N, C-alpha and C. Protein backbone atom coordinates (compact mmCIF):
# COMPACT_ATOMS: atom_id res chain seq x y z
N MET A 1 -51.09 -13.40 38.34
CA MET A 1 -50.15 -13.51 37.36
C MET A 1 -49.20 -14.54 37.88
N GLN A 2 -48.73 -15.54 36.88
CA GLN A 2 -47.89 -16.58 37.22
C GLN A 2 -46.42 -16.16 36.98
N ASP A 3 -45.56 -16.42 37.94
CA ASP A 3 -44.07 -16.06 37.78
C ASP A 3 -43.48 -17.14 36.96
N ALA A 4 -42.85 -16.69 35.90
CA ALA A 4 -42.29 -17.70 34.97
C ALA A 4 -40.72 -17.88 35.15
N ASN A 5 -40.36 -18.60 36.15
CA ASN A 5 -38.93 -18.72 36.52
C ASN A 5 -38.33 -20.15 35.93
N TYR A 6 -39.07 -20.83 35.18
CA TYR A 6 -38.84 -22.04 34.47
C TYR A 6 -38.11 -22.95 35.48
N GLY A 7 -38.47 -23.10 36.60
CA GLY A 7 -37.91 -24.04 37.58
C GLY A 7 -36.66 -23.64 38.24
N LEU A 8 -36.12 -22.44 37.94
CA LEU A 8 -34.85 -22.08 38.44
C LEU A 8 -35.00 -21.48 39.94
N THR A 9 -34.16 -21.93 40.75
CA THR A 9 -34.17 -21.52 42.30
C THR A 9 -33.38 -20.18 42.29
N LEU A 10 -33.56 -19.59 43.44
CA LEU A 10 -32.66 -18.36 43.77
C LEU A 10 -31.22 -18.79 43.64
N VAL A 11 -30.76 -19.80 44.16
CA VAL A 11 -29.43 -20.22 44.20
C VAL A 11 -28.88 -20.32 42.76
N MET A 12 -29.71 -20.81 41.91
CA MET A 12 -29.29 -21.08 40.51
C MET A 12 -29.16 -19.73 39.77
N PHE A 13 -30.08 -18.91 40.12
CA PHE A 13 -29.97 -17.48 39.53
C PHE A 13 -28.69 -16.69 40.04
N LYS A 14 -28.29 -16.90 41.30
CA LYS A 14 -26.99 -16.43 41.76
C LYS A 14 -25.82 -16.95 41.06
N LYS A 15 -25.87 -18.33 40.83
CA LYS A 15 -24.73 -18.94 40.20
C LYS A 15 -24.50 -18.46 38.66
N ILE A 16 -25.75 -18.29 38.09
CA ILE A 16 -25.66 -17.73 36.68
C ILE A 16 -25.19 -16.31 36.66
N LYS A 17 -25.64 -15.52 37.64
CA LYS A 17 -25.22 -14.14 37.67
C LYS A 17 -23.58 -14.16 37.95
N ALA A 18 -23.25 -14.99 38.90
CA ALA A 18 -21.68 -15.01 39.21
C ALA A 18 -20.90 -15.42 37.98
N SER A 19 -21.33 -16.47 37.16
CA SER A 19 -20.61 -16.98 36.12
C SER A 19 -20.64 -15.91 34.89
N ILE A 20 -21.70 -15.13 34.86
CA ILE A 20 -21.70 -14.13 33.75
C ILE A 20 -20.67 -12.98 34.22
N TYR A 21 -20.78 -12.65 35.52
CA TYR A 21 -19.76 -11.60 36.06
C TYR A 21 -18.33 -12.09 35.96
N LEU A 22 -18.02 -13.31 36.07
CA LEU A 22 -16.68 -13.92 36.02
C LEU A 22 -16.25 -13.90 34.46
N SER A 23 -17.17 -14.40 33.68
CA SER A 23 -16.85 -14.33 32.11
C SER A 23 -16.58 -12.89 31.64
N THR A 24 -17.27 -11.89 32.17
CA THR A 24 -17.10 -10.55 31.77
C THR A 24 -15.52 -10.05 32.18
N ILE A 25 -15.19 -10.43 33.45
CA ILE A 25 -13.92 -10.06 33.75
C ILE A 25 -12.82 -10.76 32.98
N LEU A 26 -12.94 -12.10 32.75
CA LEU A 26 -12.10 -12.95 32.01
C LEU A 26 -11.99 -12.28 30.65
N SER A 27 -13.13 -11.94 29.91
CA SER A 27 -13.16 -11.29 28.65
C SER A 27 -12.23 -9.97 28.59
N SER A 28 -12.51 -9.20 29.73
CA SER A 28 -11.64 -7.94 29.79
C SER A 28 -10.26 -8.17 29.95
N ILE A 29 -9.96 -9.12 30.67
CA ILE A 29 -8.44 -9.51 30.81
C ILE A 29 -7.86 -9.95 29.53
N LEU A 30 -8.53 -10.88 28.75
CA LEU A 30 -8.02 -11.31 27.51
C LEU A 30 -7.95 -10.24 26.42
N LEU A 31 -8.99 -9.35 26.48
CA LEU A 31 -8.86 -8.14 25.58
C LEU A 31 -7.60 -7.23 25.78
N CYS A 32 -7.37 -7.18 27.20
CA CYS A 32 -6.09 -6.37 27.47
C CYS A 32 -4.82 -6.98 27.00
N LEU A 33 -4.85 -8.38 27.27
CA LEU A 33 -3.61 -9.09 26.78
C LEU A 33 -3.46 -8.98 25.31
N PHE A 34 -4.53 -9.27 24.51
CA PHE A 34 -4.42 -9.35 23.11
C PHE A 34 -4.01 -7.89 22.65
N SER A 35 -4.39 -6.91 23.32
CA SER A 35 -4.19 -5.50 22.79
C SER A 35 -2.73 -5.24 23.05
N ALA A 36 -2.29 -5.75 24.23
CA ALA A 36 -0.74 -5.62 24.59
C ALA A 36 0.21 -6.30 23.56
N CYS A 37 -0.35 -7.46 22.99
CA CYS A 37 0.47 -8.15 21.95
C CYS A 37 0.66 -7.35 20.67
N GLY A 38 -0.35 -6.70 20.41
CA GLY A 38 -0.23 -5.66 19.22
C GLY A 38 0.80 -4.60 19.24
N THR A 39 1.23 -4.20 20.49
CA THR A 39 2.18 -3.26 20.66
C THR A 39 3.59 -3.75 20.74
N GLU A 40 3.73 -5.09 20.67
CA GLU A 40 5.07 -5.66 20.73
C GLU A 40 6.00 -5.07 19.70
N ALA A 41 5.48 -5.03 18.48
CA ALA A 41 6.37 -4.42 17.38
C ALA A 41 6.99 -3.13 17.82
N ASN A 42 6.20 -2.21 18.39
CA ASN A 42 6.63 -1.02 18.71
C ASN A 42 7.72 -1.01 19.82
N GLU A 43 7.56 -1.87 20.70
CA GLU A 43 8.57 -2.03 21.73
C GLU A 43 9.99 -2.66 21.22
N ALA A 44 10.00 -3.36 20.07
CA ALA A 44 11.19 -3.83 19.54
C ALA A 44 11.76 -2.91 18.43
N LYS A 45 11.42 -1.71 18.56
CA LYS A 45 11.93 -0.66 17.45
C LYS A 45 13.43 -0.71 17.62
N ALA A 46 14.00 -0.62 16.35
CA ALA A 46 15.51 -0.61 16.27
C ALA A 46 15.96 0.87 16.47
N ASP A 47 16.65 1.23 17.53
CA ASP A 47 16.96 2.49 17.84
C ASP A 47 18.40 2.84 17.15
N ASN A 48 19.21 1.99 16.57
CA ASN A 48 20.32 2.22 15.89
C ASN A 48 20.59 1.21 14.82
N ALA A 49 21.66 1.53 14.05
CA ALA A 49 21.84 0.51 12.87
C ALA A 49 22.26 -0.77 13.29
N LEU A 50 22.91 -0.98 14.40
CA LEU A 50 23.25 -2.32 14.88
C LEU A 50 22.13 -3.15 15.13
N ASP A 51 21.29 -2.59 16.03
CA ASP A 51 19.97 -3.20 16.24
C ASP A 51 19.12 -3.62 15.03
N GLY A 52 18.89 -2.58 14.12
CA GLY A 52 18.24 -2.81 12.92
C GLY A 52 18.67 -4.00 12.14
N GLY A 53 19.96 -4.13 11.89
CA GLY A 53 20.50 -5.17 11.07
C GLY A 53 20.43 -6.46 11.99
N ARG A 54 20.88 -6.35 13.20
CA ARG A 54 20.82 -7.72 13.99
C ARG A 54 19.49 -8.29 14.17
N TYR A 55 18.35 -7.39 14.47
CA TYR A 55 17.02 -7.93 14.55
C TYR A 55 16.58 -8.47 13.35
N PHE A 56 16.79 -7.95 12.08
CA PHE A 56 16.47 -8.48 10.93
C PHE A 56 17.06 -9.81 10.55
N ILE A 57 18.40 -9.94 10.86
CA ILE A 57 19.19 -11.25 10.61
C ILE A 57 18.81 -12.22 11.55
N GLU A 58 18.65 -11.91 12.88
CA GLU A 58 18.30 -12.97 13.83
C GLU A 58 16.94 -13.55 13.48
N ASN A 59 15.92 -12.76 13.16
CA ASN A 59 14.57 -13.18 12.97
C ASN A 59 14.60 -13.91 11.67
N TYR A 60 15.34 -13.66 10.65
CA TYR A 60 15.45 -14.35 9.34
C TYR A 60 16.04 -15.75 9.57
N MET A 61 17.12 -15.84 10.37
CA MET A 61 17.77 -17.06 10.57
C MET A 61 16.94 -18.01 11.47
N GLN A 62 15.97 -17.34 12.35
CA GLN A 62 15.24 -18.32 13.16
C GLN A 62 13.90 -18.71 12.31
N GLY A 63 13.75 -18.04 11.07
CA GLY A 63 12.53 -18.47 10.37
C GLY A 63 11.31 -17.72 10.56
N ASP A 64 11.56 -16.57 11.42
CA ASP A 64 10.45 -15.71 11.84
C ASP A 64 10.24 -14.56 10.94
N PHE A 65 9.65 -14.73 9.83
CA PHE A 65 9.71 -13.77 8.71
C PHE A 65 8.68 -12.58 8.97
N SER A 66 7.75 -12.76 9.76
CA SER A 66 6.82 -11.82 10.18
C SER A 66 7.63 -10.73 10.98
N LYS A 67 8.43 -11.21 11.88
CA LYS A 67 9.21 -10.29 12.70
C LYS A 67 10.34 -9.69 11.96
N ALA A 68 10.94 -10.54 11.03
CA ALA A 68 12.05 -9.85 10.19
C ALA A 68 11.51 -8.89 9.36
N LYS A 69 10.33 -8.95 8.80
CA LYS A 69 9.73 -8.05 7.96
C LYS A 69 9.52 -6.66 8.64
N LEU A 70 9.41 -6.62 9.96
CA LEU A 70 9.31 -5.46 10.76
C LEU A 70 10.56 -4.50 10.55
N TYR A 71 11.65 -5.13 10.17
CA TYR A 71 12.93 -4.32 10.13
C TYR A 71 13.30 -4.15 8.68
N LEU A 72 12.44 -4.43 7.74
CA LEU A 72 12.59 -4.32 6.31
C LEU A 72 12.21 -2.96 5.89
N LEU A 73 12.96 -2.12 5.13
CA LEU A 73 12.50 -0.95 4.44
C LEU A 73 11.49 -1.32 3.53
N GLU A 74 10.27 -0.64 3.55
CA GLU A 74 9.20 -0.85 2.75
C GLU A 74 9.41 -0.38 1.33
N SER A 75 9.36 -1.28 0.29
CA SER A 75 9.47 -0.79 -1.10
C SER A 75 9.11 -2.09 -1.91
N PRO A 76 8.66 -2.07 -3.06
CA PRO A 76 8.27 -3.23 -3.88
C PRO A 76 9.48 -4.08 -4.17
N GLN A 77 10.71 -3.41 -4.35
CA GLN A 77 11.94 -4.24 -4.76
C GLN A 77 12.34 -4.92 -3.39
N ASN A 78 12.26 -4.30 -2.15
CA ASN A 78 12.75 -5.01 -1.02
C ASN A 78 11.78 -6.14 -0.72
N LYS A 79 10.46 -6.00 -0.87
CA LYS A 79 9.43 -6.91 -0.70
C LYS A 79 9.76 -8.27 -1.58
N ALA A 80 10.05 -7.95 -2.90
CA ALA A 80 10.35 -9.08 -3.87
C ALA A 80 11.56 -9.82 -3.38
N ILE A 81 12.66 -9.00 -2.95
CA ILE A 81 13.94 -9.76 -2.57
C ILE A 81 13.65 -10.52 -1.38
N PHE A 82 12.87 -10.01 -0.40
CA PHE A 82 12.55 -10.67 0.87
C PHE A 82 11.67 -11.91 0.70
N ASP A 83 10.80 -11.83 -0.31
CA ASP A 83 10.03 -13.08 -0.66
C ASP A 83 10.84 -14.13 -1.26
N THR A 84 11.92 -13.72 -2.06
CA THR A 84 12.89 -14.75 -2.68
C THR A 84 13.73 -15.28 -1.52
N LEU A 85 14.29 -14.57 -0.58
CA LEU A 85 14.95 -15.10 0.53
C LEU A 85 14.10 -15.94 1.48
N SER A 86 12.91 -15.66 1.56
CA SER A 86 12.01 -16.57 2.39
C SER A 86 11.81 -17.85 1.66
N ALA A 87 11.58 -17.86 0.29
CA ALA A 87 11.53 -19.05 -0.44
C ALA A 87 12.68 -19.91 -0.36
N HIS A 88 13.89 -19.27 -0.38
CA HIS A 88 15.16 -20.05 -0.21
C HIS A 88 15.32 -20.74 1.01
N TYR A 89 14.86 -20.01 2.12
CA TYR A 89 15.02 -20.50 3.51
C TYR A 89 14.23 -21.84 3.54
N PHE A 90 12.96 -21.99 2.97
CA PHE A 90 12.16 -23.21 2.94
C PHE A 90 12.69 -24.20 1.97
N LEU A 91 13.45 -23.87 1.05
CA LEU A 91 14.07 -24.92 0.15
C LEU A 91 15.16 -25.73 0.85
N LEU A 92 15.69 -25.12 2.16
CA LEU A 92 16.65 -25.94 2.91
C LEU A 92 15.88 -27.13 3.46
N ASP A 93 16.61 -28.19 3.64
CA ASP A 93 15.96 -29.27 4.30
C ASP A 93 15.84 -29.02 5.90
N LYS A 94 15.14 -29.80 6.54
CA LYS A 94 14.93 -29.63 8.06
C LYS A 94 16.23 -29.35 8.75
N GLU A 95 17.19 -30.32 8.40
CA GLU A 95 18.52 -30.18 9.16
C GLU A 95 19.10 -28.83 8.82
N GLY A 96 19.11 -28.32 7.46
CA GLY A 96 19.69 -27.13 7.06
C GLY A 96 19.00 -25.95 7.84
N ARG A 97 17.72 -26.05 8.03
CA ARG A 97 16.99 -24.80 8.74
C ARG A 97 17.49 -24.83 10.15
N GLN A 98 17.60 -26.05 10.73
CA GLN A 98 18.10 -26.16 12.15
C GLN A 98 19.35 -25.67 12.42
N GLN A 99 20.26 -26.09 11.52
CA GLN A 99 21.63 -25.49 11.52
C GLN A 99 21.63 -23.96 11.62
N LEU A 100 20.88 -23.38 10.66
CA LEU A 100 20.89 -21.94 10.49
C LEU A 100 20.29 -21.30 11.63
N ARG A 101 19.12 -21.89 12.26
CA ARG A 101 18.64 -21.38 13.58
C ARG A 101 19.46 -21.43 14.67
N GLN A 102 20.56 -22.32 14.69
CA GLN A 102 21.41 -22.49 15.81
C GLN A 102 22.73 -21.64 15.57
N ALA A 103 22.88 -21.20 14.31
CA ALA A 103 24.10 -20.42 13.95
C ALA A 103 24.13 -19.08 14.66
N SER A 104 25.31 -18.53 14.92
CA SER A 104 25.35 -17.26 15.56
C SER A 104 25.75 -16.09 14.50
N ILE A 105 25.44 -14.89 14.77
CA ILE A 105 25.72 -13.77 13.94
C ILE A 105 27.05 -13.12 14.37
N GLN A 106 28.09 -13.02 13.42
CA GLN A 106 29.28 -12.40 13.75
C GLN A 106 29.40 -11.07 13.11
N ILE A 107 29.29 -10.07 13.83
CA ILE A 107 29.29 -8.59 13.17
C ILE A 107 30.79 -8.32 13.04
N ASN A 108 31.19 -7.99 11.78
CA ASN A 108 32.57 -7.57 11.50
C ASN A 108 32.75 -6.17 11.62
N GLU A 109 31.71 -5.19 11.08
CA GLU A 109 31.90 -3.89 11.09
C GLU A 109 30.49 -3.18 10.78
N ILE A 110 30.37 -2.12 11.36
CA ILE A 110 29.30 -1.33 10.99
C ILE A 110 29.95 0.23 10.78
N ARG A 111 29.54 0.49 9.50
CA ARG A 111 30.23 1.80 8.96
C ARG A 111 29.10 2.80 8.65
N SER A 112 29.34 4.00 9.17
CA SER A 112 28.32 5.13 8.99
C SER A 112 28.59 5.70 7.69
N MET A 113 27.77 5.79 6.80
CA MET A 113 27.90 6.55 5.61
C MET A 113 27.52 8.02 5.76
N ASP A 114 26.36 8.31 6.57
CA ASP A 114 25.98 9.50 6.86
C ASP A 114 25.07 9.33 8.24
N SER A 115 24.28 10.38 8.57
CA SER A 115 23.46 10.19 9.90
C SER A 115 22.33 9.20 9.65
N THR A 116 22.02 8.81 8.35
CA THR A 116 20.76 7.93 8.21
C THR A 116 21.08 6.72 7.59
N HIS A 117 22.32 6.60 7.04
CA HIS A 117 22.66 5.35 6.35
C HIS A 117 24.00 4.65 6.74
N SER A 118 23.85 3.41 7.15
CA SER A 118 24.98 2.71 7.70
C SER A 118 25.12 1.29 6.83
N ILE A 119 26.37 0.77 6.74
CA ILE A 119 26.66 -0.44 6.17
C ILE A 119 26.88 -1.37 7.35
N PHE A 120 26.22 -2.56 7.24
CA PHE A 120 26.29 -3.62 8.28
C PHE A 120 27.07 -4.74 7.64
N ASP A 121 28.21 -4.99 8.03
CA ASP A 121 29.12 -6.09 7.46
C ASP A 121 29.03 -7.20 8.53
N TYR A 122 28.61 -8.37 8.07
CA TYR A 122 28.36 -9.49 9.19
C TYR A 122 28.57 -10.82 8.46
N GLN A 123 28.72 -11.98 9.16
CA GLN A 123 28.62 -13.28 8.54
C GLN A 123 28.00 -14.28 9.70
N ASN A 124 27.50 -15.32 9.34
CA ASN A 124 27.06 -16.28 10.32
C ASN A 124 28.00 -17.36 10.54
N SER A 125 27.85 -18.00 11.65
CA SER A 125 28.91 -19.05 12.15
C SER A 125 28.64 -20.35 11.16
N LEU A 126 27.70 -20.44 10.50
CA LEU A 126 27.37 -21.74 9.73
C LEU A 126 28.29 -21.60 8.35
N ASP A 127 28.07 -20.52 7.53
CA ASP A 127 28.75 -20.61 6.29
C ASP A 127 30.11 -19.57 6.18
N LYS A 128 30.16 -18.77 7.20
CA LYS A 128 31.27 -17.84 7.42
C LYS A 128 31.53 -17.04 6.15
N ILE A 129 30.50 -16.72 5.25
CA ILE A 129 30.69 -15.85 4.31
C ILE A 129 30.33 -14.52 4.56
N ALA A 130 31.19 -13.50 4.40
CA ALA A 130 31.02 -12.03 4.69
C ALA A 130 29.92 -11.51 3.71
N GLN A 131 28.98 -10.86 4.34
CA GLN A 131 27.92 -10.09 3.70
C GLN A 131 27.81 -8.70 4.11
N LYS A 132 27.24 -7.89 3.34
CA LYS A 132 27.12 -6.48 3.72
C LYS A 132 25.59 -6.15 3.35
N MET A 133 25.07 -5.35 4.22
CA MET A 133 23.67 -4.72 3.82
C MET A 133 23.60 -3.29 4.31
N MET A 134 22.67 -2.59 3.68
CA MET A 134 22.43 -1.24 4.20
C MET A 134 21.26 -1.21 5.13
N VAL A 135 21.59 -0.27 6.11
CA VAL A 135 20.63 -0.08 7.22
C VAL A 135 20.28 1.43 7.17
N ILE A 136 19.03 1.76 7.03
CA ILE A 136 18.65 3.15 7.08
C ILE A 136 17.72 3.66 8.15
N SER A 137 17.93 4.83 8.58
CA SER A 137 17.22 5.31 9.57
C SER A 137 15.74 5.95 9.23
N THR A 138 14.71 5.46 9.72
CA THR A 138 13.31 5.95 9.45
C THR A 138 12.60 6.41 10.65
N PRO A 139 11.50 7.16 10.51
CA PRO A 139 10.75 7.50 11.75
C PRO A 139 10.32 6.27 12.55
N GLU A 140 10.16 5.09 11.87
CA GLU A 140 9.84 3.91 12.58
C GLU A 140 10.98 3.11 13.18
N GLY A 141 12.17 3.54 13.04
CA GLY A 141 13.48 2.97 13.43
C GLY A 141 14.28 2.60 12.41
N TRP A 142 15.36 1.92 12.71
CA TRP A 142 16.39 1.48 11.58
C TRP A 142 15.91 0.40 10.79
N LYS A 143 15.95 0.49 9.60
CA LYS A 143 15.33 -0.54 8.61
C LYS A 143 16.44 -1.09 7.67
N VAL A 144 16.37 -2.40 7.26
CA VAL A 144 17.27 -2.94 6.24
C VAL A 144 16.73 -2.73 4.89
N ASP A 145 17.68 -2.26 4.02
CA ASP A 145 17.46 -2.06 2.66
C ASP A 145 18.24 -3.19 1.84
N LEU A 146 17.43 -4.21 1.41
CA LEU A 146 18.13 -5.33 0.75
C LEU A 146 18.56 -5.12 -0.67
N GLN A 147 18.02 -3.95 -1.19
CA GLN A 147 18.57 -3.55 -2.56
C GLN A 147 20.06 -3.34 -2.69
N TYR A 148 20.64 -2.96 -1.57
CA TYR A 148 22.07 -2.70 -1.59
C TYR A 148 22.74 -4.01 -1.68
N SER A 149 22.34 -5.11 -0.99
CA SER A 149 22.98 -6.43 -0.97
C SER A 149 22.57 -7.21 -2.16
N TYR A 150 21.35 -7.00 -2.55
CA TYR A 150 20.82 -7.92 -3.79
C TYR A 150 20.39 -6.91 -4.79
N PRO A 151 21.29 -6.29 -5.66
CA PRO A 151 20.75 -5.37 -6.65
C PRO A 151 19.96 -5.96 -7.80
């Protein structure tokens, strides 16, 4: 019987085996890294009203709407308001968005209504217009209810 090694030497077989082994290890490492990225949202859970409101506003001002949405109370009305706010952000020219990204948040007051509802009174350093929003405690952390600010 003829051995069908297709002209491959023992050294070539060892190199192929080593590269397969290495690619398996690299694939495993990449899989671990990607699965760790999926838990990032859980790590940034807002443990109090201050964090819930601040995380939402910071991510909005940075134009990171996927992260801002993590701190939004889920409801059809909030989603519609959020979509409108997102659209308004992109109506700003490049310079306007840059100024908003560089602006800082100034927290005027956080007032507790009860154990699960707080009013977050803030402004940003760009327009200095005081705004208020409701922040509500949920099992997933504190979330912003935009219906309070934009009825």
